[in-house]
């Protein structure tokens, strides 16, 4: 019984850690999108830079959560 409980705890700890990291990435993505929209009105190269950073974060997020669809659909 102890082994089963430990295994469940490890899985839940991993999911919690991934969830926290995913939430940080989604918050940063939202901020970058906001900055990108503002930059579109002033500096297209800055907007392109922000958009590229956003794209990289989204790719990282998808890769990080590819084996965890429950978390993927929670944050995406």
C-alpha atoms as a PDB file:
ATOM      1  CA  UNK A   1       0.000   0.000   0.000  1.00  0.00           C
ATOM      2  CA  UNK A   2       2.844   2.388   0.859  1.00  0.00           C
ATOM      3  CA  UNK A   3       4.422   1.874  -2.587  1.00  0.00           C
ATOM      4  CA  UNK A   4       1.153   2.685  -4.311  1.00  0.00           C
ATOM      5  CA  UNK A   5       0.664   5.821  -2.251  1.00  0.00           C
ATOM      6  CA  UNK A   6       4.245   6.929  -2.936  1.00  0.00           C
ATOM      7  CA  UNK A   7       3.798   6.358  -6.661  1.00  0.00           C
ATOM      8  CA  UNK A   8       0.561   8.373  -6.698  1.00  0.00           C
ATOM      9  CA  UNK A   9       2.234  11.151  -4.723  1.00  0.00           C
ATOM     10  CA  UNK A  10       5.143  11.270  -7.173  1.00  0.00           C
ATOM     11  CA  UNK A  11       2.787  11.481 -10.159  1.00  0.00           C
ATOM     12  CA  UNK A  12       0.761  14.240  -8.532  1.00  0.00           C
ATOM     13  CA  UNK A  13       3.899  16.151  -7.522  1.00  0.00           C
ATOM     14  CA  UNK A  14       5.163  15.987 -11.106  1.00  0.00           C
ATOM     15  CA  UNK A  15       1.804  17.181 -12.450  1.00  0.00           C
ATOM     16  CA  UNK A  16       1.712  20.030  -9.948  1.00  0.00           C
ATOM     17  CA  UNK A  17       5.199  21.118 -10.931  1.00  0.00           C
ATOM     18  CA  UNK A  18       4.338  20.977 -14.635  1.00  0.00           C
ATOM     19  CA  UNK A  19       1.106  22.885 -14.018  1.00  0.00           C
ATOM     20  CA  UNK A  20       2.922  25.666 -12.184  1.00  0.00           C
ATOM     21  CA  UNK A  21       5.500  25.974 -14.975  1.00  0.00           C
ATOM     22  CA  UNK A  22       2.751  25.920 -17.615  1.00  0.00           C
ATOM     23  CA  UNK A  23       0.886  28.702 -15.832  1.00  0.00           C
ATOM     24  CA  UNK A  24       4.049  30.825 -15.726  1.00  0.00           C
ATOM     25  CA  UNK A  25       4.560  30.302 -19.445  1.00  0.00           C
ATOM     26  CA  UNK A  26       0.942  31.162 -20.285  1.00  0.00           C
ATOM     27  CA  UNK A  27       1.125  34.362 -18.200  1.00  0.00           C
ATOM     28  CA  UNK A  28       4.327  35.358 -19.969  1.00  0.00           C
ATOM     29  CA  UNK A  29       2.745  34.545 -23.341  1.00  0.00           C
ATOM     30  CA  UNK A  30      -0.232  36.775 -22.563  1.00  0.00           C
ATOM     31  CA  UNK A  31       2.086  39.640 -21.557  1.00  0.00           C
ATOM     32  CA  UNK A  32       4.141  39.224 -24.733  1.00  0.00           C
ATOM     33  CA  UNK A  33       1.001  39.230 -26.888  1.00  0.00           C
ATOM     34  CA  UNK A  34      -0.105  42.440 -25.206  1.00  0.00           C
ATOM     35  CA  UNK A  35       3.314  43.999 -25.816  1.00  0.00           C
ATOM     36  CA  UNK A  36       3.253  42.786 -29.424  1.00  0.00           C
ATOM     37  CA  UNK A  37      -0.115  44.418 -30.088  1.00  0.00           C
ATOM     38  CA  UNK A  38       1.139  47.711 -28.640  1.00  0.00           C
ATOM     39  CA  UNK A  39       4.370  47.482 -30.644  1.00  0.00           C
ATOM     40  CA  UNK A  40       2.405  46.992 -33.879  1.00  0.00           C
ATOM     41  CA  UNK A  41       1.388  50.637 -33.623  1.00  0.00           C
ATOM     42  CA  UNK A  42       4.953  51.885 -33.231  1.00  0.00           C
ATOM     43  CA  UNK A  43       7.701  49.486 -34.270  1.00  0.00           C
ATOM     44  CA  UNK A  44       7.101  46.485 -36.511  1.00  0.00           C
ATOM     45  CA  UNK A  45      10.510  44.947 -35.841  1.00  0.00           C
ATOM     46  CA  UNK A  46       9.858  45.041 -32.094  1.00  0.00           C
ATOM     47  CA  UNK A  47       6.432  43.477 -32.695  1.00  0.00           C
ATOM     48  CA  UNK A  48       8.045  40.717 -34.769  1.00  0.00           C
ATOM     49  CA  UNK A  49      10.567  40.082 -31.988  1.00  0.00           C
ATOM     50  CA  UNK A  50       7.801  39.803 -29.369  1.00  0.00           C
ATOM     51  CA  UNK A  51       5.817  37.514 -31.653  1.00  0.00           C
ATOM     52  CA  UNK A  52       8.842  35.262 -32.160  1.00  0.00           C
ATOM     53  CA  UNK A  53       9.377  35.012 -28.396  1.00  0.00           C
ATOM     54  CA  UNK A  54       5.710  34.145 -27.987  1.00  0.00           C
ATOM     55  CA  UNK A  55       5.928  31.453 -30.655  1.00  0.00           C
ATOM     56  CA  UNK A  56       8.943  29.880 -28.926  1.00  0.00           C
ATOM     57  CA  UNK A  57       7.139  29.840 -25.570  1.00  0.00           C
ATOM     58  CA  UNK A  58       4.097  28.160 -27.103  1.00  0.00           C
ATOM     59  CA  UNK A  59       6.271  25.503 -28.746  1.00  0.00           C
ATOM     60  CA  UNK A  60       8.001  24.923 -25.390  1.00  0.00           C
ATOM     61  CA  UNK A  61       4.633  24.641 -23.656  1.00  0.00           C
ATOM     62  CA  UNK A  62       3.279  22.157 -26.204  1.00  0.00           C
ATOM     63  CA  UNK A  63       6.420  20.034 -25.950  1.00  0.00           C
ATOM     64  CA  UNK A  64       6.433  20.170 -22.161  1.00  0.00           C
ATOM     65  CA  UNK A  65       2.804  19.016 -21.921  1.00  0.00           C
ATOM     66  CA  UNK A  66       2.667  16.552 -24.820  1.00  0.00           C
ATOM     67  CA  UNK A  67       2.363  13.598 -22.421  1.00  0.00           C
ATOM     68  CA  UNK A  68      -0.118  15.398 -20.171  1.00  0.00           C
ATOM     69  CA  UNK A  69      -3.265  16.213 -22.167  1.00  0.00           C
ATOM     70  CA  UNK A  70      -5.177  17.075 -19.003  1.00  0.00           C
ATOM     71  CA  UNK A  71      -2.758  19.918 -18.291  1.00  0.00           C
ATOM     72  CA  UNK A  72      -2.430  20.892 -21.946  1.00  0.00           C
ATOM     73  CA  UNK A  73      -6.153  21.496 -22.338  1.00  0.00           C
ATOM     74  CA  UNK A  74      -6.301  23.282 -18.996  1.00  0.00           C
ATOM     75  CA  UNK A  75      -3.848  26.005 -20.054  1.00  0.00           C
ATOM     76  CA  UNK A  76      -4.236  26.096 -23.852  1.00  0.00           C
END
